[in-house]
C-alpha atoms as a PDB file:
ATOM      1  CA  MET A   1     -12.547  14.113  10.640  1.00  0.00           C
ATOM      2  CA  ILE A   2      -9.703  11.571  11.437  1.00  0.00           C
ATOM      3  CA  PRO A   3      -9.979  10.437  15.049  1.00  0.00           C
ATOM      4  CA  GLN A   4      -7.092  11.053  17.365  1.00  0.00           C
ATOM      5  CA  PRO A   5      -4.997   7.951  18.291  1.00  0.00           C
ATOM      6  CA  THR A   6      -5.694   5.620  21.184  1.00  0.00           C
ATOM      7  CA  ARG A   7      -1.943   5.139  21.757  1.00  0.00           C
ATOM      8  CA  LYS A   8       1.301   5.651  19.875  1.00  0.00           C
ATOM      9  CA  GLY A   9       4.654   3.904  20.130  1.00  0.00           C
ATOM     10  CA  THR A  10       7.595   2.274  18.551  1.00  0.00           C
ATOM     11  CA  ALA A  11       8.554  -1.579  18.057  1.00  0.00           C
ATOM     12  CA  PRO A  12      12.243  -2.417  18.392  1.00  0.00           C
ATOM     13  CA  PHE A  13      13.245  -4.426  15.406  1.00  0.00           C
ATOM     14  CA  ARG A  14      16.596  -5.454  14.717  1.00  0.00           C
ATOM     15  CA  GLY A  15      18.200  -2.553  16.456  1.00  0.00           C
ATOM     16  CA  HIS A  16      16.143   0.050  14.890  1.00  0.00           C
ATOM     17  CA  LYS A  17      12.261   0.931  15.290  1.00  0.00           C
ATOM     18  CA  THR A  18       8.913   0.515  13.513  1.00  0.00           C
ATOM     19  CA  TRP A  19       6.568   3.578  14.557  1.00  0.00           C
ATOM     20  CA  TYR A  20       2.898   2.470  14.949  1.00  0.00           C
ATOM     21  CA  ARG A  21      -0.324   4.397  15.615  1.00  0.00           C
ATOM     22  CA  VAL A  22      -3.607   2.507  17.466  1.00  0.00           C
ATOM     23  CA  THR A  23      -6.982   3.618  17.155  1.00  0.00           C
ATOM     24  CA  GLY A  24      -9.739   2.037  19.271  1.00  0.00           C
ATOM     25  CA  ASP A  25      -9.000  -0.673  21.895  1.00  0.00           C
ATOM     26  CA  LEU A  26      -7.087  -3.824  20.783  1.00  0.00           C
ATOM     27  CA  ALA A  27      -8.649  -5.841  23.377  1.00  0.00           C
ATOM     28  CA  GLY A  28     -12.307  -4.799  22.437  1.00  0.00           C
ATOM     29  CA  GLY A  29     -13.548  -7.774  20.690  1.00  0.00           C
ATOM     30  CA  ARG A  30     -13.389  -7.414  17.229  1.00  0.00           C
ATOM     31  CA  PRO A  31      -9.955  -8.390  15.354  1.00  0.00           C
ATOM     32  CA  PRO A  32      -8.150  -5.083  14.955  1.00  0.00           C
ATOM     33  CA  LEU A  33      -7.539  -4.106  11.110  1.00  0.00           C
ATOM     34  CA  VAL A  34      -3.628  -3.704  10.354  1.00  0.00           C
ATOM     35  CA  ALA A  35      -3.017  -1.160   7.654  1.00  0.00           C
ATOM     36  CA  VAL A  36      -0.049  -2.134   5.590  1.00  0.00           C
ATOM     37  CA  HIS A  37       0.797   0.940   3.418  1.00  0.00           C
ATOM     38  CA  GLY A  38       2.344   1.103  -0.452  1.00  0.00           C
ATOM     39  CA  GLY A  39       5.583   1.949  -1.810  1.00  0.00           C
ATOM     40  CA  PRO A  40       7.869   0.431  -0.693  1.00  0.00           C
ATOM     41  CA  GLY A  41       8.930   3.617   1.016  1.00  0.00           C
ATOM     42  CA  SER A  42       5.741   5.136   1.523  1.00  0.00           C
ATOM     43  CA  THR A  43       4.108   6.059   4.910  1.00  0.00           C
ATOM     44  CA  HIS A  44       0.841   5.299   6.967  1.00  0.00           C
ATOM     45  CA  ASP A  45      -0.458   8.874   6.472  1.00  0.00           C
ATOM     46  CA  TYR A  46      -2.611   8.360   3.232  1.00  0.00           C
ATOM     47  CA  LEU A  47      -4.560   5.597   4.844  1.00  0.00           C
ATOM     48  CA  LEU A  48      -5.330   7.487   7.876  1.00  0.00           C
ATOM     49  CA  ARG A  49      -9.017   7.469   7.066  1.00  0.00           C
ATOM     50  CA  LEU A  50      -9.306   3.764   8.043  1.00  0.00           C
ATOM     51  CA  ALA A  51      -9.047   5.031  11.700  1.00  0.00           C
ATOM     52  CA  GLU A  52     -12.664   6.363  11.508  1.00  0.00           C
ATOM     53  CA  LEU A  53     -13.749   2.876  11.624  1.00  0.00           C
ATOM     54  CA  ALA A  54     -12.836   2.613  15.218  1.00  0.00           C
ATOM     55  CA  ALA A  55     -16.024   4.627  16.002  1.00  0.00           C
ATOM     56  CA  GLU A  56     -18.076   1.625  15.057  1.00  0.00           C
ATOM     57  CA  GLY A  57     -15.835  -0.678  17.437  1.00  0.00           C
ATOM     58  CA  GLN A  58     -13.407  -1.730  14.818  1.00  0.00           C
ATOM     59  CA  PRO A  59      -9.824  -1.239  16.304  1.00  0.00           C
ATOM     60  CA  VAL A  60      -7.328   0.096  13.614  1.00  0.00           C
ATOM     61  CA  VAL A  61      -3.563  -0.325  13.575  1.00  0.00           C
ATOM     62  CA  HIS A  62      -1.067   2.074  11.248  1.00  0.00           C
ATOM     63  CA  TYR A  63       2.560   1.603  10.940  1.00  0.00           C
ATOM     64  CA  ASP A  64       5.510   3.326   9.062  1.00  0.00           C
ATOM     65  CA  GLN A  65       7.386   0.231   7.398  1.00  0.00           C
ATOM     66  CA  LEU A  66      11.293   0.823   8.236  1.00  0.00           C
ATOM     67  CA  GLY A  67      12.977   3.497   6.539  1.00  0.00           C
ATOM     68  CA  ASN A  68      10.334   6.014   6.221  1.00  0.00           C
ATOM     69  CA  GLY A  69       8.026   8.089   8.553  1.00  0.00           C
ATOM     70  CA  GLY A  70       8.402   7.651  12.308  1.00  0.00           C
ATOM     71  CA  SER A  71      10.466   4.550  11.882  1.00  0.00           C
ATOM     72  CA  SER A  72      14.037   4.505  11.657  1.00  0.00           C
ATOM     73  CA  HIS A  73      15.527   6.136   8.531  1.00  0.00           C
ATOM     74  CA  LEU A  74      18.322   4.189   7.100  1.00  0.00           C
ATOM     75  CA  PRO A  75      19.840   5.981   4.129  1.00  0.00           C
ATOM     76  CA  GLY A  76      23.381   4.559   4.252  1.00  0.00           C
ATOM     77  CA  GLU A  77      22.154   1.045   3.962  1.00  0.00           C
ATOM     78  CA  LYS A  78      23.030  -0.985   0.726  1.00  0.00           C
ATOM     79  CA  PRO A  79      20.252  -2.059  -1.681  1.00  0.00           C
ATOM     80  CA  ASP A  80      20.311  -5.730  -0.475  1.00  0.00           C
ATOM     81  CA  PHE A  81      19.250  -4.552   2.719  1.00  0.00           C
ATOM     82  CA  TRP A  82      15.916  -3.583   1.334  1.00  0.00           C
ATOM     83  CA  THR A  83      14.061  -7.104   0.666  1.00  0.00           C
ATOM     84  CA  VAL A  84      10.540  -8.312   0.930  1.00  0.00           C
ATOM     85  CA  ASP A  85      11.603 -10.831   3.652  1.00  0.00           C
ATOM     86  CA  LEU A  86      12.863  -7.981   5.665  1.00  0.00           C
ATOM     87  CA  PHE A  87       9.167  -6.172   5.643  1.00  0.00           C
ATOM     88  CA  LEU A  88       7.633  -9.637   6.396  1.00  0.00           C
ATOM     89  CA  ASP A  89       9.665 -10.054   9.539  1.00  0.00           C
ATOM     90  CA  GLU A  90       9.036  -6.134  10.546  1.00  0.00           C
ATOM     91  CA  LEU A  91       5.048  -6.988  10.380  1.00  0.00           C
ATOM     92  CA  ASP A  92       5.490 -10.454  12.390  1.00  0.00           C
ATOM     93  CA  ASN A  93       7.413  -8.196  14.812  1.00  0.00           C
ATOM     94  CA  LEU A  94       4.698  -5.740  15.239  1.00  0.00           C
ATOM     95  CA  LEU A  95       1.924  -8.115  15.431  1.00  0.00           C
ATOM     96  CA  ALA A  96       4.129  -9.950  18.109  1.00  0.00           C
ATOM     97  CA  HIS A  97       4.884  -6.650  19.755  1.00  0.00           C
ATOM     98  CA  LEU A  98       1.128  -5.352  19.872  1.00  0.00           C
ATOM     99  CA  GLY A  99      -0.124  -8.953  21.208  1.00  0.00           C
ATOM    100  CA  ILE A 100      -2.733  -9.450  18.366  1.00  0.00           C
ATOM    101  CA  THR A 101      -1.029 -12.319  16.619  1.00  0.00           C
ATOM    102  CA  ASP A 102      -3.999 -14.422  17.841  1.00  0.00           C
ATOM    103  CA  GLY A 103      -6.615 -12.299  16.028  1.00  0.00           C
ATOM    104  CA  TYR A 104      -6.147  -9.626  13.268  1.00  0.00           C
ATOM    105  CA  VAL A 105      -7.315  -8.374   9.810  1.00  0.00           C
ATOM    106  CA  LEU A 106      -4.720  -7.373   7.026  1.00  0.00           C
ATOM    107  CA  PHE A 107      -5.393  -4.229   4.903  1.00  0.00           C
ATOM    108  CA  GLY A 108      -2.751  -4.140   2.199  1.00  0.00           C
ATOM    109  CA  GLN A 109      -2.729  -1.156  -0.266  1.00  0.00           C
ATOM    110  CA  SER A 110      -0.560  -0.986  -3.431  1.00  0.00           C
ATOM    111  CA  TRP A 111       2.897  -2.663  -2.318  1.00  0.00           C
ATOM    112  CA  GLY A 112       1.461  -3.245   1.059  1.00  0.00           C
ATOM    113  CA  GLY A 113      -1.272  -5.671  -0.838  1.00  0.00           C
ATOM    114  CA  MET A 114       1.837  -7.616  -2.308  1.00  0.00           C
ATOM    115  CA  LEU A 115       3.299  -7.961   1.313  1.00  0.00           C
ATOM    116  CA  SER A 116       0.080  -8.567   3.082  1.00  0.00           C
ATOM    117  CA  ALA A 117      -0.498 -11.574   0.274  1.00  0.00           C
ATOM    118  CA  ALA A 118       2.764 -12.977   1.052  1.00  0.00           C
ATOM    119  CA  HIS A 119       2.204 -13.070   4.682  1.00  0.00           C
ATOM    120  CA  ALA A 120      -1.212 -14.726   4.297  1.00  0.00           C
ATOM    121  CA  ALA A 121       0.470 -17.248   1.966  1.00  0.00           C
ATOM    122  CA  ARG A 122       2.193 -18.597   5.278  1.00  0.00           C
ATOM    123  CA  ARG A 123      -1.079 -19.274   6.722  1.00  0.00           C
ATOM    124  CA  PRO A 124      -0.505 -17.601  10.123  1.00  0.00           C
ATOM    125  CA  ALA A 125      -3.161 -19.049  12.678  1.00  0.00           C
ATOM    126  CA  GLY A 126      -4.322 -15.516  13.761  1.00  0.00           C
ATOM    127  CA  LEU A 127      -5.356 -13.985  10.321  1.00  0.00           C
ATOM    128  CA  ARG A 128      -8.925 -13.731  10.247  1.00  0.00           C
ATOM    129  CA  GLY A 129      -9.396 -11.908   7.033  1.00  0.00           C
ATOM    130  CA  LEU A 130      -7.394 -10.313   4.251  1.00  0.00           C
ATOM    131  CA  VAL A 131      -8.073  -6.995   2.064  1.00  0.00           C
ATOM    132  CA  ILE A 132      -5.938  -6.518  -1.007  1.00  0.00           C
ATOM    133  CA  ALA A 133      -6.433  -2.878  -2.271  1.00  0.00           C
ATOM    134  CA  ASN A 134      -5.303  -1.320  -5.724  1.00  0.00           C
ATOM    135  CA  SER A 135      -2.399  -3.813  -5.617  1.00  0.00           C
ATOM    136  CA  PRO A 136      -0.593  -5.825  -8.598  1.00  0.00           C
ATOM    137  CA  ALA A 137       0.296  -9.313  -8.260  1.00  0.00           C
ATOM    138  CA  SER A 138       3.164  -8.999 -10.525  1.00  0.00           C
ATOM    139  CA  MET A 139       5.473  -6.431 -11.059  1.00  0.00           C
ATOM    140  CA  PRO A 140       6.480  -7.513 -14.478  1.00  0.00           C
ATOM    141  CA  THR A 141       2.660  -7.216 -15.531  1.00  0.00           C
ATOM    142  CA  TRP A 142       2.569  -3.785 -13.642  1.00  0.00           C
ATOM    143  CA  ARG A 143       5.416  -2.609 -15.808  1.00  0.00           C
ATOM    144  CA  GLN A 144       3.770  -3.702 -19.168  1.00  0.00           C
ATOM    145  CA  GLU A 145       0.653  -2.167 -18.005  1.00  0.00           C
ATOM    146  CA  MET A 146       2.447   1.406 -16.872  1.00  0.00           C
ATOM    147  CA  THR A 147       3.819   1.287 -20.319  1.00  0.00           C
ATOM    148  CA  ALA A 148       0.196   1.235 -21.988  1.00  0.00           C
ATOM    149  CA  LEU A 149      -0.995   3.994 -19.322  1.00  0.00           C
ATOM    150  CA  ARG A 150       2.084   6.092 -19.819  1.00  0.00           C
ATOM    151  CA  ALA A 151       1.682   5.913 -23.968  1.00  0.00           C
ATOM    152  CA  ALA A 152      -2.042   7.739 -23.231  1.00  0.00           C
ATOM    153  CA  LEU A 153      -0.615  10.503 -21.329  1.00  0.00           C
ATOM    154  CA  PRO A 154      -0.325  14.010 -23.373  1.00  0.00           C
ATOM    155  CA  ALA A 155       2.407  14.153 -25.918  1.00  0.00           C
ATOM    156  CA  GLN A 156       4.161  17.085 -24.080  1.00  0.00           C
ATOM    157  CA  ALA A 157       4.212  14.968 -20.754  1.00  0.00           C
ATOM    158  CA  GLN A 158       5.564  12.024 -22.540  1.00  0.00           C
ATOM    159  CA  ALA A 159       8.328  13.864 -24.053  1.00  0.00           C
ATOM    160  CA  GLU A 160       9.562  15.522 -20.949  1.00  0.00           C
ATOM    161  CA  LEU A 161       9.445  12.019 -19.025  1.00  0.00           C
ATOM    162  CA  LEU A 162      11.793  10.727 -21.488  1.00  0.00           C
ATOM    163  CA  ARG A 163      13.983  13.714 -21.821  1.00  0.00           C
ATOM    164  CA  HIS A 164      14.863  13.147 -17.887  1.00  0.00           C
ATOM    165  CA  GLU A 165      14.962   9.824 -17.921  1.00  0.00           C
ATOM    166  CA  GLU A 166      17.418   9.790 -21.073  1.00  0.00           C
ATOM    167  CA  GLY A 167      19.412  12.362 -19.274  1.00  0.00           C
ATOM    168  CA  GLY A 168      19.583  11.038 -15.844  1.00  0.00           C
ATOM    169  CA  THR A 169      17.853  13.933 -14.249  1.00  0.00           C
ATOM    170  CA  THR A 170      14.530  12.180 -12.965  1.00  0.00           C
ATOM    171  CA  ASP A 171      15.517  13.727  -9.399  1.00  0.00           C
ATOM    172  CA  SER A 172      14.742  17.183 -11.161  1.00  0.00           C
ATOM    173  CA  PRO A 173      11.577  19.287 -10.180  1.00  0.00           C
ATOM    174  CA  ALA A 174      10.546  19.351 -13.871  1.00  0.00           C
ATOM    175  CA  TYR A 175      10.700  15.647 -13.907  1.00  0.00           C
ATOM    176  CA  PHE A 176       8.224  15.440 -11.057  1.00  0.00           C
ATOM    177  CA  GLU A 177       5.756  18.091 -12.786  1.00  0.00           C
ATOM    178  CA  ALA A 178       5.679  16.090 -15.838  1.00  0.00           C
ATOM    179  CA  ALA A 179       4.836  12.981 -13.833  1.00  0.00           C
ATOM    180  CA  MET A 180       2.126  14.519 -12.414  1.00  0.00           C
ATOM    181  CA  ALA A 181      -0.127  14.425 -15.257  1.00  0.00           C
ATOM    182  CA  PHE A 182       0.013  10.399 -14.567  1.00  0.00           C
ATOM    183  CA  TYR A 183      -0.806  10.758 -11.016  1.00  0.00           C
ATOM    184  CA  ASP A 184      -3.687  13.194 -11.343  1.00  0.00           C
ATOM    185  CA  ARG A 185      -5.204  10.328 -13.617  1.00  0.00           C
ATOM    186  CA  HIS A 186      -4.111   7.006 -12.213  1.00  0.00           C
ATOM    187  CA  VAL A 187      -3.168   7.683  -8.456  1.00  0.00           C
ATOM    188  CA  CYS A 188      -5.323  10.140  -6.914  1.00  0.00           C
ATOM    189  CA  ARG A 189      -8.094  12.127  -9.032  1.00  0.00           C
ATOM    190  CA  THR A 190      -9.258  14.297  -5.900  1.00  0.00           C
ATOM    191  CA  LYS A 191      -8.275  17.992  -6.295  1.00  0.00           C
ATOM    192  CA  PRO A 192      -6.557  19.088  -4.204  1.00  0.00           C
ATOM    193  CA  TRP A 193      -4.981  16.155  -2.814  1.00  0.00           C
ATOM    194  CA  PRO A 194      -6.250  15.365   0.548  1.00  0.00           C
ATOM    195  CA  ARG A 195      -3.748  16.845   3.245  1.00  0.00           C
ATOM    196  CA  GLU A 196      -3.050  13.000   4.430  1.00  0.00           C
ATOM    197  CA  VAL A 197      -2.178  11.948   0.852  1.00  0.00           C
ATOM    198  CA  ALA A 198      -0.043  15.049   0.117  1.00  0.00           C
ATOM    199  CA  ALA A 199       1.802  14.423   3.291  1.00  0.00           C
ATOM    200  CA  THR A 200       2.577  10.816   2.351  1.00  0.00           C
ATOM    201  CA  MET A 201       4.024  12.184  -0.996  1.00  0.00           C
ATOM    202  CA  MET A 202       6.203  14.831   0.647  1.00  0.00           C
ATOM    203  CA  GLU A 203       7.648  11.876   3.028  1.00  0.00           C
ATOM    204  CA  ILE A 204       8.720  10.013   0.035  1.00  0.00           C
ATOM    205  CA  TYR A 205      10.268  13.133  -1.649  1.00  0.00           C
ATOM    206  CA  ASN A 206      12.133  13.994   1.899  1.00  0.00           C
ATOM    207  CA  ASP A 207      13.662  10.575   2.117  1.00  0.00           C
ATOM    208  CA  PRO A 208      13.188   8.481  -1.030  1.00  0.00           C
ATOM    209  CA  THR A 209      15.866   5.803   0.069  1.00  0.00           C
ATOM    210  CA  VAL A 210      13.542   2.833   0.172  1.00  0.00           C
ATOM    211  CA  TYR A 211      11.138   3.945  -2.787  1.00  0.00           C
ATOM    212  CA  PHE A 212      14.157   4.738  -5.172  1.00  0.00           C
ATOM    213  CA  THR A 213      15.803   1.328  -4.126  1.00  0.00           C
ATOM    214  CA  MET A 214      12.899  -1.126  -4.570  1.00  0.00           C
ATOM    215  CA  ASN A 215      10.628   0.646  -6.962  1.00  0.00           C
ATOM    216  CA  GLY A 216      12.382   3.454  -8.965  1.00  0.00           C
ATOM    217  CA  PRO A 217      11.709   7.320  -9.538  1.00  0.00           C
ATOM    218  CA  ASN A 218       8.079   7.056  -9.940  1.00  0.00           C
ATOM    219  CA  GLU A 219       5.221   4.802 -10.328  1.00  0.00           C
ATOM    220  CA  PHE A 220       5.627   4.118 -14.155  1.00  0.00           C
ATOM    221  CA  HIS A 221       9.492   4.040 -14.208  1.00  0.00           C
ATOM    222  CA  VAL A 222      10.274   0.735 -12.372  1.00  0.00           C
ATOM    223  CA  VAL A 223      13.701   0.008 -12.297  1.00  0.00           C
ATOM    224  CA  GLY A 224      14.324  -0.876  -8.730  1.00  0.00           C
ATOM    225  CA  THR A 225      15.071  -4.283  -6.966  1.00  0.00           C
ATOM    226  CA  LEU A 226      11.391  -5.139  -7.093  1.00  0.00           C
ATOM    227  CA  LYS A 227      10.981  -4.989 -10.663  1.00  0.00           C
ATOM    228  CA  ASP A 228      10.635  -8.731 -11.333  1.00  0.00           C
ATOM    229  CA  PHE A 229       8.540  -9.538  -8.023  1.00  0.00           C
ATOM    230  CA  THR A 230       5.643 -11.497  -8.271  1.00  0.00           C
ATOM    231  CA  VAL A 231       3.231 -13.116  -5.606  1.00  0.00           C
ATOM    232  CA  GLU A 232       1.351 -14.982  -8.133  1.00  0.00           C
ATOM    233  CA  PRO A 233       2.680 -18.701  -7.046  1.00  0.00           C
ATOM    234  CA  LEU A 234       1.718 -17.833  -3.578  1.00  0.00           C
ATOM    235  CA  LEU A 235      -1.849 -17.071  -3.842  1.00  0.00           C
ATOM    236  CA  PRO A 236      -3.498 -20.418  -4.263  1.00  0.00           C
ATOM    237  CA  ARG A 237      -2.062 -21.124  -0.624  1.00  0.00           C
ATOM    238  CA  ILE A 238      -4.016 -18.253   0.864  1.00  0.00           C
ATOM    239  CA  THR A 239      -7.024 -19.580   2.952  1.00  0.00           C
ATOM    240  CA  ALA A 240      -8.295 -16.406   4.524  1.00  0.00           C
ATOM    241  CA  PRO A 241     -11.380 -14.717   3.532  1.00  0.00           C
ATOM    242  CA  THR A 242     -10.349 -12.308   0.825  1.00  0.00           C
ATOM    243  CA  LEU A 243     -11.536  -9.004  -0.333  1.00  0.00           C
ATOM    244  CA  VAL A 244     -10.038  -7.407  -3.527  1.00  0.00           C
ATOM    245  CA  ILE A 245     -10.591  -3.682  -4.220  1.00  0.00           C
ATOM    246  CA  SER A 246      -9.416  -1.434  -7.008  1.00  0.00           C
ATOM    247  CA  GLY A 247     -10.499   1.564  -8.739  1.00  0.00           C
ATOM    248  CA  GLU A 248     -11.961   2.317 -12.111  1.00  0.00           C
ATOM    249  CA  HIS A 249      -8.990   4.191 -13.080  1.00  0.00           C
ATOM    250  CA  ASP A 250      -6.576   2.630 -10.980  1.00  0.00           C
ATOM    251  CA  GLU A 251      -2.964   2.620 -11.961  1.00  0.00           C
ATOM    252  CA  ALA A 252      -3.340  -1.234 -10.660  1.00  0.00           C
ATOM    253  CA  THR A 253      -5.379  -1.977 -13.879  1.00  0.00           C
ATOM    254  CA  PRO A 254      -7.533  -4.897 -14.002  1.00  0.00           C
ATOM    255  CA  ALA A 255      -4.807  -7.129 -15.763  1.00  0.00           C
ATOM    256  CA  THR A 256      -2.566  -6.543 -12.684  1.00  0.00           C
ATOM    257  CA  VAL A 257      -5.193  -7.159 -10.036  1.00  0.00           C
ATOM    258  CA  ARG A 258      -6.995 -10.284 -11.664  1.00  0.00           C
ATOM    259  CA  PRO A 259      -4.755 -12.875 -10.384  1.00  0.00           C
ATOM    260  CA  TYR A 260      -5.927 -12.113  -6.868  1.00  0.00           C
ATOM    261  CA  ALA A 261      -9.494 -12.729  -7.700  1.00  0.00           C
ATOM    262  CA  GLU A 262      -8.896 -15.939  -9.728  1.00  0.00           C
ATOM    263  CA  LEU A 263      -6.122 -17.459  -7.590  1.00  0.00           C
ATOM    264  CA  ILE A 264      -7.213 -16.781  -4.157  1.00  0.00           C
ATOM    265  CA  PRO A 265     -10.074 -19.281  -3.068  1.00  0.00           C
ATOM    266  CA  GLY A 266     -13.221 -17.791  -2.658  1.00  0.00           C
ATOM    267  CA  ALA A 267     -11.655 -13.970  -3.053  1.00  0.00           C
ATOM    268  CA  ARG A 268     -14.244 -11.398  -3.998  1.00  0.00           C
ATOM    269  CA  TRP A 269     -13.173  -8.282  -6.428  1.00  0.00           C
ATOM    270  CA  GLU A 270     -14.911  -5.167  -5.962  1.00  0.00           C
ATOM    271  CA  ILE A 271     -14.184  -2.248  -8.481  1.00  0.00           C
ATOM    272  CA  VAL A 272     -15.165   1.360  -7.177  1.00  0.00           C
ATOM    273  CA  ALA A 273     -16.441   3.525  -9.857  1.00  0.00           C
ATOM    274  CA  GLY A 274     -14.951   6.915 -10.809  1.00  0.00           C
ATOM    275  CA  SER A 275     -11.780   6.334  -8.363  1.00  0.00           C
ATOM    276  CA  SER A 276      -8.143   5.323  -9.302  1.00  0.00           C
ATOM    277  CA  HIS A 277      -5.351   4.378  -7.029  1.00  0.00           C
ATOM    278  CA  MET A 278      -6.983   5.647  -3.799  1.00  0.00           C
ATOM    279  CA  PRO A 279     -10.633   5.060  -3.481  1.00  0.00           C
ATOM    280  CA  HIS A 280     -10.703   5.357   0.221  1.00  0.00           C
ATOM    281  CA  VAL A 281     -10.438   9.061  -0.344  1.00  0.00           C
ATOM    282  CA  GLU A 282     -11.658   9.424  -3.910  1.00  0.00           C
ATOM    283  CA  ALA A 283     -14.866   7.649  -3.466  1.00  0.00           C
ATOM    284  CA  PRO A 284     -15.226   7.191   0.396  1.00  0.00           C
ATOM    285  CA  GLU A 285     -18.916   6.557   0.595  1.00  0.00           C
ATOM    286  CA  ALA A 286     -18.778   3.523  -1.969  1.00  0.00           C
ATOM    287  CA  PHE A 287     -15.375   2.089  -0.581  1.00  0.00           C
ATOM    288  CA  ASP A 288     -16.829   2.062   3.139  1.00  0.00           C
ATOM    289  CA  ALA A 289     -19.694   0.266   2.128  1.00  0.00           C
ATOM    290  CA  VAL A 290     -17.659  -2.353   0.442  1.00  0.00           C
ATOM    291  CA  LEU A 291     -15.101  -2.510   3.324  1.00  0.00           C
ATOM    292  CA  ARG A 292     -17.815  -2.660   6.101  1.00  0.00           C
ATOM    293  CA  LYS A 293     -19.807  -5.408   4.446  1.00  0.00           C
ATOM    294  CA  PHE A 294     -16.661  -7.575   4.340  1.00  0.00           C
ATOM    295  CA  LEU A 295     -15.668  -6.896   8.030  1.00  0.00           C
ATOM    296  CA  ALA A 296     -19.050  -7.579   9.373  1.00  0.00           C
ATOM    297  CA  GLU A 297     -19.000 -10.966   7.312  1.00  0.00           C
ATOM    298  CA  LEU A 298     -16.098 -11.731   9.419  1.00  0.00           C
ATOM    299  CA  GLY A 299     -17.690 -11.520  12.462  1.00  0.00           C
END
C-alpha cells in the first residue's frame, strides 16, 4: 500500500507553483530520492510506489512538473514557453525550496531520465546518485525505434492509426483505442493498469498542453518540439554514481538506452525481465531489488 505523505505543498516558481509531496523525513540522514516523472506533461502518480521506500528510512520526494497535475496549468502558453531549460530551472528551484541541494538522489523516468541526465551533467555538488529509468538518450533514435515497434503491431491497429494521423483526427477516442495496442505491449503490461498509472494517463488526457506540444499525440507519433532533442553529448560529463534501468519489452529499446550505459563513466545497466516501460509496477520485486541495492551502495 502506498504510504500517506509526510507533507504536501507548493514551491513558487516564476509566478506559478510547483506541487510536491514528501514521504519520510528529509532531515533523517539519508539523501532524499527525488522522482522526476515522464511525459513531458505527465504527473507523479504512476511513480507513487517509490514512496514505499520511506518505510526503510529513505525519504522520497514526488512533484508534478509545471503544466500538469497539482502544479500550475498554463494552456494559453505558446510552444516556445515549454523548454528543457524551463524544467531544469523548475527542478533546481524545487530542490532549493525543500532545502536539499546539499544532498539528494535523482530518479528520472522516461523523459524525466533525460531531464535528470541534463541536470547531472552540470555536476551539482549535492547530487549523490542518479537513476535513469526507461529513458531514451536521443529522441531521433527513439523515433526510429518507435517506427520499428509500431510496424510489429496488428495490421488493423496500424491501419487505424495511420487513418487518423493522415486525417488529422489524432484527438479522437478511436485513435486512442487503436494506440492501446502499443501501450499494452510496450508501456504497461499489467492488466488492468494499476490505479496510479491510470490516474496519470487521465491527467494527460484532461490537459494535454505540455505533452502535445513537446511530444505529440502519443508515444510513437513524436512530432512535438522535443523530437530532435538529445542528451548524448552531455553524458560523459556526468560524475555521479549512475544506475540505468529498462524493461525487456520497453518502448525505450536497448538502442535508445545504451548511450547512458556506454557514455556515463561507471554506469551500471539492469534490464528487468518480463516488464516494459514501468517495471516498478510490472515487476516490483525485481525492480525493488535493483533499486535498493543501488541506494544501499550510495550509503
